[in-house]
Amino acid sequence: MRIIEAWAWSCLAAVVPCVLDCTPAEALASREGVELAVAGTDRRGMPFRLQGSFALSGLGNGISTSISTAAAGSASTLRVELPPGLYSLTLNEGLSIEQGGAAAPSVLPARVSSPNPRLVLVTRGAYARVSLGLSHAGASEGGEIN
């Protein structure tokens, strides 16, 4: 019985390192996806924050998700981790722009002046940075979130 036990432990010892180390280290460290700025300044230098949601659909990989800009919290950018591939990013209806900061915020309906939807290519090990052209209703000047 002890011979079988010793043989089983030696087999297990040979298999466990493979299970723990079968994924290449570079694959574990790799991070990629889409990066969307949710705060910026308009052409007059006024700060603003985008409020709303957008949809990401993978073309050919079956991935589909909807993300709210609220997920960014107080950060100026929102990162969504995705595997490499081609995606369609669509800003959903109901976008708004908050201006004026925390002291006296005003929320205005937003218009998208950049292509919507737009194609985004996510490559291995990098975040695809998406720039948006936006303006609010009644504005003659738009702002860009880079």
N, C-alpha and C. Protein backbone atom coordinates (compact mmCIF):
# COMPACT_ATOMS: atom_id res chain seq x y z
N MET A 1 0.82 -1.19 0.00
CA MET A 1 0.00 0.00 0.00
C MET A 1 0.87 1.26 0.00
N ARG A 2 1.98 1.25 0.74
CA ARG A 2 2.85 2.42 0.80
C ARG A 2 3.51 2.70 -0.54
N ILE A 3 3.76 1.69 -1.32
CA ILE A 3 4.37 1.88 -2.64
C ILE A 3 3.39 2.62 -3.54
N ILE A 4 2.11 2.28 -3.50
CA ILE A 4 1.09 2.95 -4.32
C ILE A 4 0.93 4.40 -3.87
N GLU A 5 0.91 4.64 -2.54
CA GLU A 5 0.82 6.00 -2.01
C GLU A 5 2.00 6.84 -2.48
N ALA A 6 3.19 6.33 -2.37
CA ALA A 6 4.39 7.07 -2.79
C ALA A 6 4.34 7.35 -4.28
N TRP A 7 3.87 6.38 -5.06
CA TRP A 7 3.78 6.57 -6.51
C TRP A 7 2.74 7.66 -6.83
N ALA A 8 1.60 7.66 -6.12
CA ALA A 8 0.55 8.65 -6.34
C ALA A 8 1.04 10.05 -6.02
N TRP A 9 1.77 10.21 -4.90
CA TRP A 9 2.31 11.51 -4.53
C TRP A 9 3.35 11.98 -5.52
N SER A 10 4.16 11.11 -6.02
CA SER A 10 5.18 11.53 -6.99
C SER A 10 4.51 11.94 -8.30
N CYS A 11 3.43 11.25 -8.70
CA CYS A 11 2.69 11.64 -9.92
C CYS A 11 2.02 12.99 -9.72
N LEU A 12 1.41 13.19 -8.54
CA LEU A 12 0.75 14.46 -8.24
C LEU A 12 1.77 15.59 -8.22
N ALA A 13 2.92 15.37 -7.65
CA ALA A 13 3.97 16.39 -7.60
C ALA A 13 4.44 16.76 -9.00
N ALA A 14 4.39 15.83 -9.93
CA ALA A 14 4.80 16.13 -11.30
C ALA A 14 3.73 16.90 -12.06
N VAL A 15 2.44 16.72 -11.71
CA VAL A 15 1.34 17.36 -12.43
C VAL A 15 1.05 18.76 -11.90
N VAL A 16 1.10 18.97 -10.58
CA VAL A 16 0.74 20.25 -9.99
C VAL A 16 1.53 21.43 -10.56
N PRO A 17 2.85 21.36 -10.72
CA PRO A 17 3.54 22.51 -11.30
C PRO A 17 3.02 22.89 -12.69
N CYS A 18 2.64 21.91 -13.50
CA CYS A 18 2.10 22.20 -14.82
C CYS A 18 0.77 22.92 -14.70
N VAL A 19 -0.09 22.51 -13.78
CA VAL A 19 -1.39 23.14 -13.61
C VAL A 19 -1.21 24.58 -13.15
N LEU A 20 -0.25 24.80 -12.26
CA LEU A 20 -0.02 26.14 -11.74
C LEU A 20 0.75 27.03 -12.70
N ASP A 21 1.46 26.46 -13.64
CA ASP A 21 2.35 27.25 -14.50
C ASP A 21 2.12 27.01 -15.99
N CYS A 22 0.91 26.62 -16.38
CA CYS A 22 0.64 26.37 -17.80
C CYS A 22 0.32 27.64 -18.56
N THR A 23 -0.04 28.74 -17.85
CA THR A 23 -0.35 30.00 -18.51
C THR A 23 0.92 30.84 -18.56
N PRO A 24 1.32 31.29 -19.75
CA PRO A 24 2.53 32.12 -19.85
C PRO A 24 2.40 33.38 -19.00
N ALA A 25 3.48 33.81 -18.41
CA ALA A 25 3.48 34.99 -17.54
C ALA A 25 3.02 36.23 -18.29
N GLU A 26 3.39 36.36 -19.56
CA GLU A 26 2.98 37.56 -20.31
C GLU A 26 1.47 37.61 -20.52
N ALA A 27 0.80 36.47 -20.59
CA ALA A 27 -0.65 36.45 -20.74
C ALA A 27 -1.32 36.90 -19.45
N LEU A 28 -0.74 36.54 -18.31
CA LEU A 28 -1.30 36.96 -17.03
C LEU A 28 -1.14 38.45 -16.82
N ALA A 29 -0.06 39.05 -17.32
CA ALA A 29 0.21 40.46 -17.12
C ALA A 29 -0.47 41.33 -18.16
N SER A 30 -0.93 40.76 -19.25
CA SER A 30 -1.50 41.52 -20.35
C SER A 30 -2.84 42.13 -19.96
N ARG A 31 -3.00 43.41 -20.22
CA ARG A 31 -4.25 44.11 -19.99
C ARG A 31 -4.56 44.88 -21.25
N GLU A 32 -5.78 44.72 -21.75
CA GLU A 32 -6.18 45.47 -22.92
C GLU A 32 -7.66 45.74 -22.85
N GLY A 33 -8.12 46.69 -23.65
CA GLY A 33 -9.54 47.02 -23.68
C GLY A 33 -9.75 48.38 -24.29
N VAL A 34 -10.80 49.04 -23.81
CA VAL A 34 -11.20 50.36 -24.31
C VAL A 34 -11.09 51.35 -23.17
N GLU A 35 -10.54 52.52 -23.48
CA GLU A 35 -10.45 53.61 -22.51
C GLU A 35 -11.26 54.79 -23.05
N LEU A 36 -12.24 55.23 -22.27
CA LEU A 36 -13.12 56.31 -22.68
C LEU A 36 -13.02 57.43 -21.65
N ALA A 37 -12.65 58.63 -22.11
CA ALA A 37 -12.60 59.78 -21.21
C ALA A 37 -14.03 60.20 -20.90
N VAL A 38 -14.33 60.44 -19.64
CA VAL A 38 -15.68 60.85 -19.24
C VAL A 38 -15.69 62.26 -18.66
N ALA A 39 -14.54 62.92 -18.63
CA ALA A 39 -14.46 64.29 -18.16
C ALA A 39 -13.46 65.04 -19.04
N GLY A 40 -13.68 66.32 -19.18
CA GLY A 40 -12.79 67.14 -20.01
C GLY A 40 -13.10 68.61 -19.84
N THR A 41 -12.64 69.41 -20.78
CA THR A 41 -12.93 70.84 -20.79
C THR A 41 -13.44 71.23 -22.17
N ASP A 42 -14.34 72.21 -22.19
CA ASP A 42 -14.83 72.68 -23.48
C ASP A 42 -13.85 73.71 -24.04
N ARG A 43 -14.16 74.29 -25.19
CA ARG A 43 -13.24 75.22 -25.85
C ARG A 43 -13.04 76.51 -25.07
N ARG A 44 -13.95 76.80 -24.14
CA ARG A 44 -13.80 77.98 -23.29
C ARG A 44 -13.04 77.67 -22.01
N GLY A 45 -12.63 76.40 -21.85
CA GLY A 45 -11.89 76.00 -20.66
C GLY A 45 -12.77 75.58 -19.50
N MET A 46 -14.07 75.45 -19.73
CA MET A 46 -14.99 75.06 -18.66
C MET A 46 -14.97 73.54 -18.49
N PRO A 47 -14.80 73.05 -17.27
CA PRO A 47 -14.80 71.59 -17.06
C PRO A 47 -16.20 71.01 -17.23
N PHE A 48 -16.25 69.79 -17.74
CA PHE A 48 -17.52 69.08 -17.82
C PHE A 48 -17.31 67.59 -17.67
N ARG A 49 -18.39 66.90 -17.34
CA ARG A 49 -18.38 65.45 -17.16
C ARG A 49 -19.55 64.86 -17.94
N LEU A 50 -19.25 63.78 -18.65
CA LEU A 50 -20.25 63.08 -19.43
C LEU A 50 -21.05 62.15 -18.53
N GLN A 51 -22.36 62.15 -18.68
CA GLN A 51 -23.24 61.25 -17.93
C GLN A 51 -24.06 60.47 -18.93
N GLY A 52 -24.16 59.17 -18.75
CA GLY A 52 -24.95 58.33 -19.63
C GLY A 52 -24.35 56.95 -19.74
N SER A 53 -24.66 56.28 -20.83
CA SER A 53 -24.15 54.92 -21.01
C SER A 53 -23.79 54.69 -22.47
N PHE A 54 -23.02 53.63 -22.67
CA PHE A 54 -22.63 53.25 -24.02
C PHE A 54 -22.62 51.74 -24.12
N ALA A 55 -22.74 51.26 -25.34
CA ALA A 55 -22.76 49.83 -25.60
C ALA A 55 -21.51 49.45 -26.37
N LEU A 56 -20.93 48.32 -26.03
CA LEU A 56 -19.79 47.75 -26.74
C LEU A 56 -20.19 46.39 -27.28
N SER A 57 -20.00 46.19 -28.57
CA SER A 57 -20.32 44.90 -29.19
C SER A 57 -19.12 44.43 -29.99
N GLY A 58 -18.66 43.23 -29.66
CA GLY A 58 -17.55 42.65 -30.40
C GLY A 58 -18.02 42.17 -31.76
N LEU A 59 -17.24 42.48 -32.78
CA LEU A 59 -17.57 42.03 -34.13
C LEU A 59 -16.82 40.73 -34.37
N GLY A 60 -17.50 39.63 -34.22
CA GLY A 60 -16.88 38.34 -34.45
C GLY A 60 -16.55 37.55 -33.21
N ASN A 61 -16.66 38.16 -32.00
CA ASN A 61 -16.33 37.38 -30.81
C ASN A 61 -17.52 37.20 -29.87
N GLY A 62 -18.68 37.76 -30.20
CA GLY A 62 -19.89 37.55 -29.42
C GLY A 62 -19.99 38.34 -28.13
N ILE A 63 -19.04 39.20 -27.83
CA ILE A 63 -19.08 39.98 -26.60
C ILE A 63 -20.01 41.17 -26.80
N SER A 64 -20.89 41.41 -25.83
CA SER A 64 -21.81 42.54 -25.88
C SER A 64 -22.07 43.00 -24.46
N THR A 65 -21.89 44.31 -24.21
CA THR A 65 -22.10 44.83 -22.86
C THR A 65 -22.52 46.29 -22.93
N SER A 66 -23.16 46.76 -21.88
CA SER A 66 -23.53 48.15 -21.74
C SER A 66 -22.86 48.68 -20.47
N ILE A 67 -22.25 49.84 -20.58
CA ILE A 67 -21.48 50.41 -19.47
C ILE A 67 -22.00 51.81 -19.16
N SER A 68 -22.17 52.13 -17.90
CA SER A 68 -22.55 53.47 -17.47
C SER A 68 -21.30 54.28 -17.16
N THR A 69 -21.32 55.56 -17.50
CA THR A 69 -20.18 56.42 -17.17
C THR A 69 -20.04 56.57 -15.66
N ALA A 70 -21.09 56.29 -14.89
CA ALA A 70 -21.02 56.35 -13.43
C ALA A 70 -20.01 55.35 -12.88
N ALA A 71 -19.72 54.30 -13.65
CA ALA A 71 -18.75 53.29 -13.21
C ALA A 71 -17.35 53.88 -13.04
N ALA A 72 -17.09 55.04 -13.64
CA ALA A 72 -15.79 55.70 -13.52
C ALA A 72 -15.63 56.36 -12.15
N GLY A 73 -16.72 56.56 -11.43
CA GLY A 73 -16.64 57.27 -10.15
C GLY A 73 -16.15 58.69 -10.37
N SER A 74 -15.13 59.11 -9.63
CA SER A 74 -14.59 60.46 -9.79
C SER A 74 -13.43 60.51 -10.77
N ALA A 75 -13.04 59.36 -11.33
CA ALA A 75 -11.94 59.33 -12.30
C ALA A 75 -12.35 60.02 -13.60
N SER A 76 -11.37 60.51 -14.34
CA SER A 76 -11.66 61.19 -15.59
C SER A 76 -11.75 60.24 -16.77
N THR A 77 -11.32 58.99 -16.59
CA THR A 77 -11.42 58.00 -17.65
C THR A 77 -12.07 56.73 -17.12
N LEU A 78 -12.68 56.01 -18.03
CA LEU A 78 -13.31 54.74 -17.72
C LEU A 78 -12.63 53.69 -18.58
N ARG A 79 -12.13 52.64 -17.95
CA ARG A 79 -11.48 51.55 -18.67
C ARG A 79 -12.34 50.29 -18.59
N VAL A 80 -12.50 49.66 -19.75
CA VAL A 80 -13.24 48.40 -19.83
C VAL A 80 -12.28 47.37 -20.41
N GLU A 81 -11.98 46.33 -19.64
CA GLU A 81 -11.07 45.29 -20.13
C GLU A 81 -11.81 44.37 -21.09
N LEU A 82 -11.21 44.18 -22.25
CA LEU A 82 -11.77 43.34 -23.31
C LEU A 82 -10.66 42.58 -23.99
N PRO A 83 -10.95 41.42 -24.53
CA PRO A 83 -9.93 40.72 -25.31
C PRO A 83 -9.68 41.46 -26.64
N PRO A 84 -8.52 41.26 -27.24
CA PRO A 84 -8.24 41.90 -28.52
C PRO A 84 -9.31 41.57 -29.55
N GLY A 85 -9.60 42.55 -30.40
CA GLY A 85 -10.59 42.36 -31.45
C GLY A 85 -11.17 43.68 -31.89
N LEU A 86 -12.09 43.62 -32.82
CA LEU A 86 -12.77 44.80 -33.35
C LEU A 86 -14.12 44.93 -32.66
N TYR A 87 -14.43 46.14 -32.17
CA TYR A 87 -15.65 46.40 -31.43
C TYR A 87 -16.39 47.60 -32.02
N SER A 88 -17.70 47.60 -31.83
CA SER A 88 -18.53 48.74 -32.17
C SER A 88 -18.91 49.40 -30.85
N LEU A 89 -18.61 50.71 -30.72
CA LEU A 89 -18.95 51.47 -29.53
C LEU A 89 -20.07 52.43 -29.90
N THR A 90 -21.20 52.34 -29.20
CA THR A 90 -22.35 53.20 -29.46
C THR A 90 -22.71 53.96 -28.19
N LEU A 91 -22.74 55.29 -28.29
CA LEU A 91 -23.22 56.10 -27.18
C LEU A 91 -24.74 56.04 -27.20
N ASN A 92 -25.33 55.67 -26.09
CA ASN A 92 -26.78 55.50 -26.02
C ASN A 92 -27.50 56.83 -25.90
N GLU A 93 -28.80 56.82 -26.21
CA GLU A 93 -29.64 58.01 -26.06
C GLU A 93 -29.64 58.46 -24.60
N GLY A 94 -29.91 59.72 -24.37
CA GLY A 94 -30.03 60.23 -23.01
C GLY A 94 -28.72 60.72 -22.41
N LEU A 95 -27.70 60.95 -23.25
CA LEU A 95 -26.45 61.49 -22.73
C LEU A 95 -26.66 62.91 -22.23
N SER A 96 -25.93 63.26 -21.19
CA SER A 96 -25.96 64.64 -20.70
C SER A 96 -24.56 65.06 -20.30
N ILE A 97 -24.40 66.37 -20.20
CA ILE A 97 -23.13 66.96 -19.79
C ILE A 97 -23.37 67.75 -18.52
N GLU A 98 -22.58 67.44 -17.50
CA GLU A 98 -22.65 68.18 -16.25
C GLU A 98 -21.54 69.22 -16.28
N GLN A 99 -21.91 70.50 -16.11
CA GLN A 99 -20.93 71.58 -16.09
C GLN A 99 -21.02 72.32 -14.77
N GLY A 100 -19.97 73.06 -14.46
CA GLY A 100 -19.99 73.93 -13.30
C GLY A 100 -19.40 73.36 -12.04
N GLY A 101 -19.00 72.12 -12.04
CA GLY A 101 -18.38 71.53 -10.86
C GLY A 101 -19.37 71.22 -9.77
N ALA A 102 -18.85 70.80 -8.63
CA ALA A 102 -19.69 70.35 -7.52
C ALA A 102 -20.45 71.49 -6.85
N ALA A 103 -19.91 72.72 -6.89
CA ALA A 103 -20.54 73.84 -6.19
C ALA A 103 -21.88 74.24 -6.83
N ALA A 104 -21.92 74.35 -8.15
CA ALA A 104 -23.14 74.77 -8.84
C ALA A 104 -23.27 74.02 -10.16
N PRO A 105 -23.54 72.72 -10.09
CA PRO A 105 -23.60 71.96 -11.34
C PRO A 105 -24.88 72.23 -12.13
N SER A 106 -24.73 72.23 -13.45
CA SER A 106 -25.90 72.27 -14.33
C SER A 106 -25.78 71.08 -15.27
N VAL A 107 -26.89 70.43 -15.52
CA VAL A 107 -26.90 69.25 -16.38
C VAL A 107 -27.67 69.60 -17.65
N LEU A 108 -27.00 69.41 -18.79
CA LEU A 108 -27.58 69.76 -20.08
C LEU A 108 -27.59 68.55 -21.00
N PRO A 109 -28.62 68.41 -21.85
CA PRO A 109 -28.62 67.31 -22.82
C PRO A 109 -27.41 67.43 -23.74
N ALA A 110 -26.81 66.30 -24.08
CA ALA A 110 -25.61 66.30 -24.93
C ALA A 110 -25.94 65.85 -26.34
N ARG A 111 -25.21 66.41 -27.29
CA ARG A 111 -25.25 65.96 -28.68
C ARG A 111 -23.88 65.39 -29.01
N VAL A 112 -23.87 64.29 -29.73
CA VAL A 112 -22.62 63.67 -30.15
C VAL A 112 -22.30 64.17 -31.55
N SER A 113 -21.12 64.78 -31.72
CA SER A 113 -20.73 65.28 -33.03
C SER A 113 -19.70 64.37 -33.71
N SER A 114 -19.22 63.37 -33.00
CA SER A 114 -18.30 62.39 -33.59
C SER A 114 -19.13 61.20 -34.09
N PRO A 115 -18.55 60.35 -34.93
CA PRO A 115 -19.31 59.20 -35.43
C PRO A 115 -19.88 58.34 -34.30
N ASN A 116 -21.14 57.95 -34.45
CA ASN A 116 -21.81 57.13 -33.44
C ASN A 116 -22.77 56.20 -34.15
N PRO A 117 -22.54 54.91 -34.18
CA PRO A 117 -21.46 54.16 -33.51
C PRO A 117 -20.12 54.35 -34.23
N ARG A 118 -19.08 53.93 -33.55
CA ARG A 118 -17.74 53.98 -34.13
C ARG A 118 -17.04 52.66 -33.88
N LEU A 119 -16.12 52.35 -34.77
CA LEU A 119 -15.35 51.11 -34.62
C LEU A 119 -14.12 51.37 -33.78
N VAL A 120 -13.80 50.41 -32.92
CA VAL A 120 -12.64 50.51 -32.03
C VAL A 120 -11.86 49.21 -32.13
N LEU A 121 -10.57 49.31 -32.40
CA LEU A 121 -9.71 48.13 -32.48
C LEU A 121 -8.92 48.00 -31.20
N VAL A 122 -9.12 46.89 -30.49
CA VAL A 122 -8.37 46.60 -29.26
C VAL A 122 -7.24 45.65 -29.65
N THR A 123 -6.01 46.07 -29.36
CA THR A 123 -4.84 45.24 -29.66
C THR A 123 -4.27 44.68 -28.36
N ARG A 124 -3.52 43.62 -28.47
CA ARG A 124 -2.95 42.93 -27.32
C ARG A 124 -2.04 43.86 -26.52
N GLY A 125 -2.30 43.94 -25.21
CA GLY A 125 -1.45 44.70 -24.31
C GLY A 125 -1.67 46.20 -24.31
N ALA A 126 -2.76 46.70 -24.92
CA ALA A 126 -2.98 48.15 -24.98
C ALA A 126 -4.47 48.47 -24.82
N TYR A 127 -4.73 49.68 -24.34
CA TYR A 127 -6.10 50.18 -24.28
C TYR A 127 -6.31 51.09 -25.48
N ALA A 128 -7.40 50.87 -26.20
CA ALA A 128 -7.76 51.74 -27.32
C ALA A 128 -8.44 52.97 -26.73
N ARG A 129 -7.83 54.13 -26.92
CA ARG A 129 -8.37 55.38 -26.38
C ARG A 129 -9.37 55.96 -27.36
N VAL A 130 -10.58 56.23 -26.88
CA VAL A 130 -11.65 56.73 -27.73
C VAL A 130 -11.88 58.22 -27.42
N SER A 131 -11.82 59.06 -28.47
CA SER A 131 -12.12 60.48 -28.33
C SER A 131 -13.54 60.74 -28.81
N LEU A 132 -14.24 61.60 -28.11
CA LEU A 132 -15.62 61.92 -28.45
C LEU A 132 -15.77 63.41 -28.70
N GLY A 133 -16.52 63.76 -29.73
CA GLY A 133 -16.90 65.15 -29.95
C GLY A 133 -18.30 65.34 -29.39
N LEU A 134 -18.47 66.28 -28.47
CA LEU A 134 -19.75 66.50 -27.81
C LEU A 134 -20.09 67.99 -27.76
N SER A 135 -21.35 68.28 -27.73
CA SER A 135 -21.80 69.64 -27.44
C SER A 135 -23.12 69.51 -26.70
N HIS A 136 -23.56 70.60 -26.10
CA HIS A 136 -24.86 70.54 -25.43
C HIS A 136 -25.85 71.36 -26.24
N ALA A 137 -27.11 71.08 -26.04
CA ALA A 137 -28.17 71.74 -26.80
C ALA A 137 -28.04 73.25 -26.69
N GLY A 138 -28.12 73.93 -27.83
CA GLY A 138 -28.05 75.39 -27.85
C GLY A 138 -26.65 75.94 -27.86
N ALA A 139 -25.63 75.10 -27.81
CA ALA A 139 -24.25 75.59 -27.80
C ALA A 139 -23.74 75.77 -29.21
N SER A 140 -23.03 76.85 -29.43
CA SER A 140 -22.40 77.04 -30.75
C SER A 140 -21.02 76.45 -30.75
N GLU A 141 -20.46 76.24 -29.55
CA GLU A 141 -19.12 75.64 -29.44
C GLU A 141 -19.23 74.29 -28.80
N GLY A 142 -18.55 73.33 -29.36
CA GLY A 142 -18.53 72.00 -28.76
C GLY A 142 -17.27 71.79 -27.97
N GLY A 143 -17.22 70.71 -27.26
CA GLY A 143 -16.02 70.34 -26.53
C GLY A 143 -15.63 68.95 -26.98
N GLU A 144 -14.43 68.61 -26.72
CA GLU A 144 -13.99 67.26 -27.07
C GLU A 144 -13.45 66.60 -25.84
N ILE A 145 -13.85 65.37 -25.64
CA ILE A 145 -13.28 64.57 -24.56
C ILE A 145 -12.26 63.67 -25.19
N ASN A 146 -11.01 63.83 -24.82
CA ASN A 146 -9.92 63.02 -25.37
C ASN A 146 -9.52 61.99 -24.36
